[in-house]
């Protein structure tokens, strides 16, 4: 198709003008909602794992203190596996579900593939240790470093919001 001139458009000589299709605007979750979801997940998922590791695996806090690195490995690996299982099943952890959030893959706008979910969860544990979570304070959309690398985002769940508005 030849380049369209403004005078041709104005005089109606150009018939089929294609309008640029815009991608739907993504409504990212707010930093406060993400924090509340993480806090809820920490009590529902993380605390039981910590309790099991402290008292059943190491026999108490003293045993954990003697083997801190091994203890944290015993805590973080099951935590990542449980989170991956929730995210693969429904795209939400219990904390995300409580605040109507879900995880999406930015290029498709749908639930991420399993490999992306696994990558995101591994990166979330690593970036937490190297203070990669500070990135969210410098971005308008509030995405963390692991979300940027994995091309994922936490968004408000449209299905639940439309049910509530009826």
N, C-alpha and C. Protein backbone atom coordinates (compact mmCIF):
# COMPACT_ATOMS: atom_id res chain seq x y z
N UNK A 1 0.84 -1.17 0.00
CA UNK A 1 0.00 0.00 0.00
C UNK A 1 0.89 1.23 0.00
N UNK A 2 0.58 2.18 -0.86
CA UNK A 2 1.37 3.39 -1.00
C UNK A 2 1.18 4.29 0.22
N UNK A 3 2.13 5.17 0.39
CA UNK A 3 2.06 6.10 1.51
C UNK A 3 0.85 7.02 1.31
N UNK A 4 0.10 7.20 2.36
CA UNK A 4 -1.10 8.01 2.27
C UNK A 4 -0.78 9.46 2.61
N UNK A 5 -1.25 10.32 1.81
CA UNK A 5 -1.05 11.75 2.02
C UNK A 5 -2.23 12.33 2.76
N UNK A 6 -1.96 13.36 3.54
CA UNK A 6 -3.01 13.98 4.34
C UNK A 6 -4.11 14.57 3.45
N UNK A 7 -3.70 15.20 2.32
CA UNK A 7 -4.71 15.81 1.45
C UNK A 7 -5.62 14.76 0.84
N UNK A 8 -5.08 13.56 0.56
CA UNK A 8 -5.92 12.49 0.03
C UNK A 8 -6.91 12.02 1.08
N UNK A 9 -6.47 11.89 2.31
CA UNK A 9 -7.37 11.49 3.37
C UNK A 9 -8.46 12.53 3.59
N UNK A 10 -8.08 13.79 3.57
CA UNK A 10 -9.01 14.88 3.82
C UNK A 10 -10.07 14.96 2.72
N UNK A 11 -9.67 14.72 1.50
CA UNK A 11 -10.61 14.81 0.39
C UNK A 11 -11.35 13.50 0.13
N UNK A 12 -11.09 12.48 0.89
CA UNK A 12 -11.82 11.22 0.80
C UNK A 12 -11.40 10.32 -0.33
N UNK A 13 -10.22 10.48 -0.86
CA UNK A 13 -9.76 9.64 -1.96
C UNK A 13 -9.18 8.31 -1.50
N UNK A 14 -8.84 8.19 -0.26
CA UNK A 14 -8.29 6.94 0.26
C UNK A 14 -9.43 6.20 0.94
N UNK A 15 -9.70 4.98 0.47
CA UNK A 15 -10.86 4.22 0.95
C UNK A 15 -10.56 3.39 2.18
N UNK A 16 -9.59 2.50 2.08
CA UNK A 16 -9.35 1.56 3.18
C UNK A 16 -8.17 2.02 4.03
N UNK A 17 -8.51 2.75 5.04
CA UNK A 17 -7.51 3.20 5.99
C UNK A 17 -7.54 2.24 7.16
N UNK A 18 -6.42 1.58 7.39
CA UNK A 18 -6.35 0.62 8.50
C UNK A 18 -6.08 1.36 9.79
N UNK A 19 -6.90 1.10 10.76
CA UNK A 19 -6.67 1.70 12.07
C UNK A 19 -5.73 0.81 12.85
N UNK A 20 -4.84 1.42 13.55
CA UNK A 20 -3.89 0.65 14.35
C UNK A 20 -4.61 0.04 15.53
N UNK A 21 -4.42 -1.24 15.67
CA UNK A 21 -5.06 -1.91 16.81
C UNK A 21 -4.16 -1.78 18.03
N UNK A 22 -4.76 -1.36 19.08
CA UNK A 22 -4.01 -1.24 20.33
C UNK A 22 -4.21 -2.50 21.14
N UNK A 23 -3.15 -2.89 21.81
CA UNK A 23 -3.28 -4.01 22.72
C UNK A 23 -4.04 -3.53 23.95
N UNK A 24 -4.83 -4.42 24.54
CA UNK A 24 -5.57 -3.98 25.73
C UNK A 24 -4.61 -3.58 26.84
N UNK A 25 -4.96 -2.52 27.52
CA UNK A 25 -4.11 -2.01 28.58
C UNK A 25 -4.17 -2.95 29.78
N UNK A 26 -3.00 -3.30 30.28
CA UNK A 26 -2.92 -4.22 31.42
C UNK A 26 -3.05 -3.42 32.70
N UNK A 27 -3.91 -3.88 33.59
CA UNK A 27 -4.08 -3.22 34.89
C UNK A 27 -3.24 -3.98 35.91
N UNK A 28 -2.02 -3.50 36.13
CA UNK A 28 -1.10 -4.15 37.05
C UNK A 28 -1.59 -4.03 38.48
N UNK A 29 -1.24 -5.01 39.29
CA UNK A 29 -1.59 -4.98 40.70
C UNK A 29 -0.78 -3.88 41.39
N UNK A 30 -1.39 -3.25 42.37
CA UNK A 30 -0.69 -2.21 43.10
C UNK A 30 0.34 -2.82 44.04
N UNK A 31 1.31 -2.01 44.43
CA UNK A 31 2.37 -2.49 45.32
C UNK A 31 1.79 -2.94 46.66
N UNK A 32 0.78 -2.24 47.13
CA UNK A 32 0.15 -2.61 48.40
C UNK A 32 -0.56 -3.96 48.33
N UNK A 33 -1.27 -4.20 47.22
CA UNK A 33 -1.97 -5.48 47.06
C UNK A 33 -0.97 -6.63 46.93
N UNK A 34 0.12 -6.39 46.22
CA UNK A 34 1.15 -7.43 46.08
C UNK A 34 1.77 -7.72 47.43
N UNK A 35 2.06 -6.67 48.20
CA UNK A 35 2.65 -6.87 49.53
C UNK A 35 1.70 -7.66 50.43
N UNK A 36 0.41 -7.33 50.40
CA UNK A 36 -0.55 -8.06 51.23
C UNK A 36 -0.66 -9.52 50.79
N UNK A 37 -0.59 -9.77 49.49
CA UNK A 37 -0.65 -11.15 48.99
C UNK A 37 0.59 -11.94 49.43
N UNK A 38 1.75 -11.30 49.36
CA UNK A 38 2.99 -11.96 49.80
C UNK A 38 2.95 -12.23 51.30
N UNK A 39 2.44 -11.27 52.05
CA UNK A 39 2.33 -11.45 53.50
C UNK A 39 1.38 -12.60 53.84
N UNK A 40 0.27 -12.69 53.14
CA UNK A 40 -0.66 -13.79 53.34
C UNK A 40 -0.02 -15.13 52.98
N UNK A 41 0.69 -15.15 51.86
CA UNK A 41 1.38 -16.39 51.46
C UNK A 41 2.45 -16.79 52.46
N UNK A 42 3.09 -15.79 53.07
CA UNK A 42 4.14 -16.14 54.03
C UNK A 42 3.55 -16.87 55.23
N UNK A 43 2.36 -16.49 55.66
CA UNK A 43 1.75 -17.18 56.79
C UNK A 43 1.11 -18.50 56.38
N UNK A 44 0.56 -18.57 55.18
CA UNK A 44 -0.14 -19.79 54.76
C UNK A 44 0.80 -20.85 54.19
N UNK A 45 1.87 -20.45 53.54
CA UNK A 45 2.76 -21.41 52.89
C UNK A 45 4.12 -21.51 53.59
N UNK A 46 4.72 -20.37 53.89
CA UNK A 46 6.08 -20.35 54.39
C UNK A 46 6.17 -20.82 55.84
N UNK A 47 5.30 -20.33 56.70
CA UNK A 47 5.38 -20.65 58.13
C UNK A 47 5.24 -22.15 58.42
N UNK A 48 4.30 -22.88 57.79
CA UNK A 48 4.26 -24.32 58.06
C UNK A 48 5.54 -25.05 57.63
N UNK A 49 6.13 -24.62 56.51
CA UNK A 49 7.37 -25.25 56.07
C UNK A 49 8.49 -24.95 57.06
N UNK A 50 8.58 -23.71 57.53
CA UNK A 50 9.59 -23.34 58.51
C UNK A 50 9.42 -24.15 59.79
N UNK A 51 8.18 -24.29 60.25
CA UNK A 51 7.92 -25.06 61.46
C UNK A 51 8.36 -26.51 61.30
N UNK A 52 8.02 -27.12 60.18
CA UNK A 52 8.40 -28.52 59.93
C UNK A 52 9.92 -28.66 59.89
N UNK A 53 10.59 -27.74 59.20
CA UNK A 53 12.06 -27.82 59.11
C UNK A 53 12.70 -27.60 60.48
N UNK A 54 12.21 -26.60 61.21
CA UNK A 54 12.80 -26.31 62.53
C UNK A 54 12.67 -27.49 63.49
N UNK A 55 11.45 -27.98 63.64
CA UNK A 55 11.19 -28.91 64.73
C UNK A 55 11.21 -30.38 64.33
N UNK A 56 10.88 -30.71 63.09
CA UNK A 56 10.90 -32.13 62.71
C UNK A 56 12.21 -32.54 62.05
N UNK A 57 12.79 -31.65 61.25
CA UNK A 57 14.04 -31.99 60.57
C UNK A 57 15.25 -31.76 61.48
N UNK A 58 15.31 -30.58 62.14
CA UNK A 58 16.49 -30.24 62.94
C UNK A 58 16.28 -30.43 64.43
N UNK A 59 15.09 -30.73 64.88
CA UNK A 59 14.85 -30.99 66.29
C UNK A 59 14.82 -29.76 67.17
N UNK A 60 14.72 -28.59 66.60
CA UNK A 60 14.64 -27.35 67.38
C UNK A 60 15.42 -26.23 66.74
N UNK A 61 15.31 -25.04 67.35
CA UNK A 61 16.00 -23.88 66.80
C UNK A 61 17.51 -24.00 66.89
N UNK A 62 17.98 -24.67 67.89
CA UNK A 62 19.43 -24.82 68.05
C UNK A 62 20.02 -25.66 66.91
N UNK A 63 19.32 -26.72 66.53
CA UNK A 63 19.77 -27.54 65.41
C UNK A 63 19.76 -26.77 64.10
N UNK A 64 18.74 -25.93 63.93
CA UNK A 64 18.67 -25.09 62.73
C UNK A 64 19.81 -24.07 62.72
N UNK A 65 20.08 -23.47 63.88
CA UNK A 65 21.14 -22.47 63.98
C UNK A 65 22.50 -23.06 63.66
N UNK A 66 22.69 -24.34 63.96
CA UNK A 66 23.97 -24.99 63.68
C UNK A 66 24.15 -25.26 62.19
N UNK A 67 23.05 -25.41 61.44
CA UNK A 67 23.10 -25.71 60.01
C UNK A 67 22.22 -24.74 59.22
N UNK A 68 22.52 -23.46 59.30
CA UNK A 68 21.65 -22.45 58.69
C UNK A 68 21.53 -22.58 57.18
N UNK A 69 22.64 -22.78 56.49
CA UNK A 69 22.58 -22.86 55.03
C UNK A 69 21.74 -24.05 54.58
N UNK A 70 21.98 -25.20 55.18
CA UNK A 70 21.20 -26.38 54.84
C UNK A 70 19.73 -26.18 55.22
N UNK A 71 19.50 -25.53 56.34
CA UNK A 71 18.13 -25.26 56.78
C UNK A 71 17.38 -24.37 55.80
N UNK A 72 18.04 -23.31 55.30
CA UNK A 72 17.38 -22.44 54.35
C UNK A 72 17.13 -23.13 53.02
N UNK A 73 18.03 -24.03 52.64
CA UNK A 73 17.79 -24.83 51.43
C UNK A 73 16.57 -25.72 51.63
N UNK A 74 16.45 -26.33 52.82
CA UNK A 74 15.29 -27.17 53.13
C UNK A 74 13.99 -26.37 53.20
N UNK A 75 14.08 -25.08 53.44
CA UNK A 75 12.88 -24.24 53.48
C UNK A 75 12.52 -23.72 52.09
N UNK A 76 13.50 -23.20 51.35
CA UNK A 76 13.22 -22.52 50.10
C UNK A 76 12.84 -23.46 48.96
N UNK A 77 13.42 -24.65 48.91
CA UNK A 77 13.08 -25.58 47.82
C UNK A 77 11.62 -26.06 47.93
N UNK A 78 11.17 -26.53 49.11
CA UNK A 78 9.75 -26.91 49.19
C UNK A 78 8.80 -25.72 48.98
N UNK A 79 9.19 -24.55 49.46
CA UNK A 79 8.37 -23.36 49.25
C UNK A 79 8.21 -23.06 47.76
N UNK A 80 9.30 -23.11 47.02
CA UNK A 80 9.24 -22.87 45.58
C UNK A 80 8.40 -23.93 44.89
N UNK A 81 8.52 -25.19 45.31
CA UNK A 81 7.72 -26.25 44.69
C UNK A 81 6.23 -26.08 44.96
N UNK A 82 5.89 -25.70 46.17
CA UNK A 82 4.47 -25.49 46.51
C UNK A 82 3.92 -24.30 45.72
N UNK A 83 4.69 -23.22 45.64
CA UNK A 83 4.24 -22.05 44.88
C UNK A 83 4.10 -22.39 43.40
N UNK A 84 5.03 -23.14 42.85
CA UNK A 84 4.94 -23.55 41.45
C UNK A 84 3.69 -24.40 41.23
N UNK A 85 3.41 -25.30 42.15
CA UNK A 85 2.21 -26.14 42.01
C UNK A 85 0.94 -25.30 42.00
N UNK A 86 0.83 -24.32 42.89
CA UNK A 86 -0.34 -23.44 42.90
C UNK A 86 -0.43 -22.62 41.61
N UNK A 87 0.71 -22.07 41.17
CA UNK A 87 0.70 -21.22 39.98
C UNK A 87 0.42 -22.01 38.71
N UNK A 88 0.89 -23.25 38.63
CA UNK A 88 0.60 -24.08 37.46
C UNK A 88 -0.87 -24.46 37.42
N UNK A 89 -1.41 -24.76 38.59
CA UNK A 89 -2.81 -25.19 38.66
C UNK A 89 -3.79 -24.07 38.31
N UNK A 90 -3.62 -22.91 38.96
CA UNK A 90 -4.63 -21.87 38.77
C UNK A 90 -4.07 -20.49 38.44
N UNK A 91 -2.75 -20.33 38.42
CA UNK A 91 -2.18 -19.02 38.18
C UNK A 91 -2.21 -18.12 39.40
N UNK A 92 -2.58 -18.69 40.56
CA UNK A 92 -2.69 -17.91 41.79
C UNK A 92 -2.19 -18.73 42.97
N UNK A 93 -1.56 -18.06 43.91
CA UNK A 93 -1.27 -18.66 45.20
C UNK A 93 -2.43 -18.29 46.12
N UNK A 94 -2.52 -18.86 47.32
CA UNK A 94 -3.63 -18.48 48.22
C UNK A 94 -3.67 -16.98 48.53
N UNK A 95 -2.52 -16.35 48.67
CA UNK A 95 -2.49 -14.91 48.92
C UNK A 95 -2.98 -14.11 47.73
N UNK A 96 -2.60 -14.52 46.53
CA UNK A 96 -3.08 -13.85 45.33
C UNK A 96 -4.59 -14.01 45.18
N UNK A 97 -5.08 -15.19 45.49
CA UNK A 97 -6.52 -15.44 45.40
C UNK A 97 -7.29 -14.57 46.39
N UNK A 98 -6.72 -14.37 47.57
CA UNK A 98 -7.40 -13.57 48.59
C UNK A 98 -7.55 -12.11 48.16
N UNK A 99 -6.63 -11.62 47.35
CA UNK A 99 -6.67 -10.22 46.91
C UNK A 99 -6.97 -10.08 45.42
N UNK A 100 -7.55 -11.09 44.82
CA UNK A 100 -8.00 -11.08 43.41
C UNK A 100 -6.87 -10.73 42.44
N UNK A 101 -5.72 -11.33 42.64
CA UNK A 101 -4.58 -11.14 41.75
C UNK A 101 -4.32 -12.44 41.01
N UNK A 102 -3.74 -12.32 39.83
CA UNK A 102 -3.29 -13.52 39.13
C UNK A 102 -2.03 -13.22 38.35
N UNK A 103 -1.29 -14.26 38.05
CA UNK A 103 -0.04 -14.14 37.33
C UNK A 103 -0.31 -14.34 35.84
N UNK A 104 0.19 -13.41 35.02
CA UNK A 104 0.04 -13.55 33.57
C UNK A 104 1.40 -13.48 32.89
N UNK A 105 1.45 -14.04 31.71
CA UNK A 105 2.62 -13.96 30.84
C UNK A 105 2.37 -12.78 29.90
N UNK A 106 3.21 -11.76 29.96
CA UNK A 106 2.96 -10.50 29.24
C UNK A 106 2.77 -10.70 27.73
N UNK A 107 3.60 -11.49 27.03
CA UNK A 107 3.41 -11.59 25.58
C UNK A 107 2.04 -12.15 25.16
N UNK A 108 1.46 -13.04 25.96
CA UNK A 108 0.18 -13.63 25.59
C UNK A 108 -0.99 -13.07 26.38
N UNK A 109 -0.73 -12.54 27.56
CA UNK A 109 -1.80 -12.05 28.41
C UNK A 109 -2.55 -13.16 29.14
N UNK A 110 -2.03 -14.36 29.07
CA UNK A 110 -2.67 -15.51 29.71
C UNK A 110 -1.74 -16.11 30.75
N UNK A 111 -2.17 -17.24 31.32
CA UNK A 111 -1.36 -17.92 32.32
C UNK A 111 -0.03 -18.33 31.72
N UNK A 112 1.08 -18.13 32.46
CA UNK A 112 2.40 -18.46 31.91
C UNK A 112 2.61 -19.97 31.72
N UNK A 113 3.51 -20.34 30.81
CA UNK A 113 3.87 -21.76 30.69
C UNK A 113 4.60 -22.25 31.94
N UNK A 114 4.64 -23.54 32.10
CA UNK A 114 5.25 -24.15 33.29
C UNK A 114 6.71 -23.75 33.43
N UNK A 115 7.45 -23.74 32.33
CA UNK A 115 8.86 -23.39 32.41
C UNK A 115 9.06 -21.94 32.86
N UNK A 116 8.18 -21.07 32.43
CA UNK A 116 8.27 -19.67 32.85
C UNK A 116 7.94 -19.52 34.33
N UNK A 117 6.97 -20.28 34.80
CA UNK A 117 6.61 -20.24 36.22
C UNK A 117 7.78 -20.73 37.07
N UNK A 118 8.40 -21.82 36.65
CA UNK A 118 9.55 -22.36 37.40
C UNK A 118 10.70 -21.34 37.39
N UNK A 119 10.99 -20.75 36.23
CA UNK A 119 12.03 -19.73 36.14
C UNK A 119 11.72 -18.56 37.04
N UNK A 120 10.48 -18.10 37.04
CA UNK A 120 10.09 -16.95 37.86
C UNK A 120 10.27 -17.25 39.34
N UNK A 121 9.87 -18.43 39.78
CA UNK A 121 9.98 -18.76 41.19
C UNK A 121 11.44 -18.91 41.63
N UNK A 122 12.27 -19.51 40.79
CA UNK A 122 13.70 -19.60 41.12
C UNK A 122 14.34 -18.22 41.16
N UNK A 123 13.99 -17.39 40.20
CA UNK A 123 14.53 -16.04 40.18
C UNK A 123 14.03 -15.20 41.36
N UNK A 124 12.81 -15.45 41.79
CA UNK A 124 12.28 -14.67 42.92
C UNK A 124 13.08 -14.96 44.19
N UNK A 125 13.48 -16.19 44.38
CA UNK A 125 14.29 -16.53 45.56
C UNK A 125 15.69 -15.92 45.45
N UNK A 126 16.27 -15.96 44.26
CA UNK A 126 17.63 -15.43 44.07
C UNK A 126 17.62 -13.90 44.16
N UNK A 127 16.66 -13.26 43.49
CA UNK A 127 16.63 -11.80 43.50
C UNK A 127 16.25 -11.24 44.86
N UNK A 128 15.55 -12.01 45.66
CA UNK A 128 15.27 -11.55 47.02
C UNK A 128 16.55 -11.43 47.81
N UNK A 129 17.47 -12.37 47.61
CA UNK A 129 18.74 -12.35 48.33
C UNK A 129 19.67 -11.24 47.88
N UNK A 130 19.59 -10.86 46.60
CA UNK A 130 20.47 -9.80 46.09
C UNK A 130 19.73 -8.46 46.01
N UNK A 131 18.65 -8.34 46.73
CA UNK A 131 17.87 -7.11 46.82
C UNK A 131 17.30 -6.66 45.47
N UNK A 132 16.92 -7.62 44.63
CA UNK A 132 16.29 -7.29 43.35
C UNK A 132 14.87 -6.80 43.50
N UNK A 133 14.28 -7.01 44.67
CA UNK A 133 12.91 -6.55 44.92
C UNK A 133 12.84 -5.04 45.03
N UNK A 134 13.98 -4.38 45.20
CA UNK A 134 13.99 -2.92 45.30
C UNK A 134 13.60 -2.29 43.97
N UNK A 135 13.74 -3.03 42.88
CA UNK A 135 13.39 -2.52 41.55
C UNK A 135 11.93 -2.07 41.50
N UNK A 136 11.05 -2.71 42.23
CA UNK A 136 9.64 -2.37 42.18
C UNK A 136 9.35 -0.95 42.64
N UNK A 137 10.20 -0.37 43.47
CA UNK A 137 9.99 0.99 43.94
C UNK A 137 10.37 2.04 42.89
N UNK A 138 11.11 1.64 41.86
CA UNK A 138 11.54 2.56 40.82
C UNK A 138 10.73 2.43 39.53
N UNK A 139 9.74 1.55 39.52
CA UNK A 139 8.94 1.35 38.32
C UNK A 139 7.49 1.73 38.59
N UNK A 140 6.85 2.31 37.59
CA UNK A 140 5.46 2.70 37.74
C UNK A 140 4.54 1.48 37.83
N UNK A 141 4.86 0.44 37.09
CA UNK A 141 4.00 -0.74 37.10
C UNK A 141 4.22 -1.64 38.31
N UNK A 142 5.26 -1.40 39.10
CA UNK A 142 5.50 -2.15 40.32
C UNK A 142 5.96 -3.58 40.12
N UNK A 143 6.54 -3.88 38.96
CA UNK A 143 7.02 -5.24 38.71
C UNK A 143 8.40 -5.41 39.33
N UNK A 144 8.64 -6.61 39.86
CA UNK A 144 9.93 -6.95 40.46
C UNK A 144 10.91 -7.37 39.38
N UNK A 145 12.17 -7.53 39.78
CA UNK A 145 13.21 -7.94 38.84
C UNK A 145 12.91 -9.31 38.25
N UNK A 146 12.43 -10.24 39.07
CA UNK A 146 12.14 -11.58 38.54
C UNK A 146 10.96 -11.55 37.57
N UNK A 147 10.01 -10.64 37.76
CA UNK A 147 8.92 -10.50 36.80
C UNK A 147 9.41 -9.90 35.49
N UNK A 148 10.34 -8.97 35.56
CA UNK A 148 10.89 -8.38 34.34
C UNK A 148 11.67 -9.41 33.53
N UNK A 149 12.47 -10.22 34.20
CA UNK A 149 13.27 -11.22 33.50
C UNK A 149 12.39 -12.30 32.89
N UNK A 150 11.36 -12.74 33.62
CA UNK A 150 10.49 -13.82 33.15
C UNK A 150 9.32 -13.33 32.30
N UNK A 151 9.19 -12.02 32.08
CA UNK A 151 8.09 -11.43 31.31
C UNK A 151 6.73 -11.79 31.88
N UNK A 152 6.62 -11.70 33.20
CA UNK A 152 5.35 -11.97 33.87
C UNK A 152 4.92 -10.73 34.63
N UNK A 153 3.68 -10.74 35.09
CA UNK A 153 3.18 -9.63 35.89
C UNK A 153 2.02 -10.12 36.74
N UNK A 154 1.85 -9.48 37.87
CA UNK A 154 0.67 -9.72 38.70
C UNK A 154 -0.36 -8.67 38.32
N UNK A 155 -1.54 -9.12 37.95
CA UNK A 155 -2.61 -8.22 37.53
C UNK A 155 -3.86 -8.53 38.33
N UNK A 156 -4.80 -7.61 38.30
CA UNK A 156 -6.09 -7.86 38.94
C UNK A 156 -6.86 -8.86 38.10
N UNK A 157 -7.50 -9.81 38.76
CA UNK A 157 -8.26 -10.85 38.09
C UNK A 157 -9.56 -10.28 37.58
N UNK A 158 -9.74 -10.24 36.27
CA UNK A 158 -10.92 -9.63 35.65
C UNK A 158 -12.20 -10.39 35.97
N UNK A 159 -12.12 -11.71 36.04
CA UNK A 159 -13.30 -12.52 36.27
C UNK A 159 -13.92 -12.18 37.62
N UNK A 160 -13.11 -12.11 38.65
CA UNK A 160 -13.63 -11.84 39.99
C UNK A 160 -14.10 -10.41 40.10
N UNK A 161 -13.41 -9.47 39.45
CA UNK A 161 -13.84 -8.08 39.51
C UNK A 161 -15.17 -7.89 38.80
N UNK A 162 -15.41 -8.61 37.70
CA UNK A 162 -16.67 -8.45 36.99
C UNK A 162 -17.82 -9.08 37.77
N UNK A 163 -17.55 -10.13 38.53
CA UNK A 163 -18.59 -10.76 39.35
C UNK A 163 -18.97 -9.83 40.50
N UNK A 164 -17.97 -9.18 41.10
CA UNK A 164 -18.24 -8.28 42.21
C UNK A 164 -19.02 -7.05 41.78
N UNK A 165 -18.82 -6.59 40.54
CA UNK A 165 -19.47 -5.37 40.10
C UNK A 165 -20.94 -5.59 39.73
N UNK A 166 -21.36 -6.86 39.55
CA UNK A 166 -22.77 -7.12 39.20
C UNK A 166 -23.68 -7.09 40.37
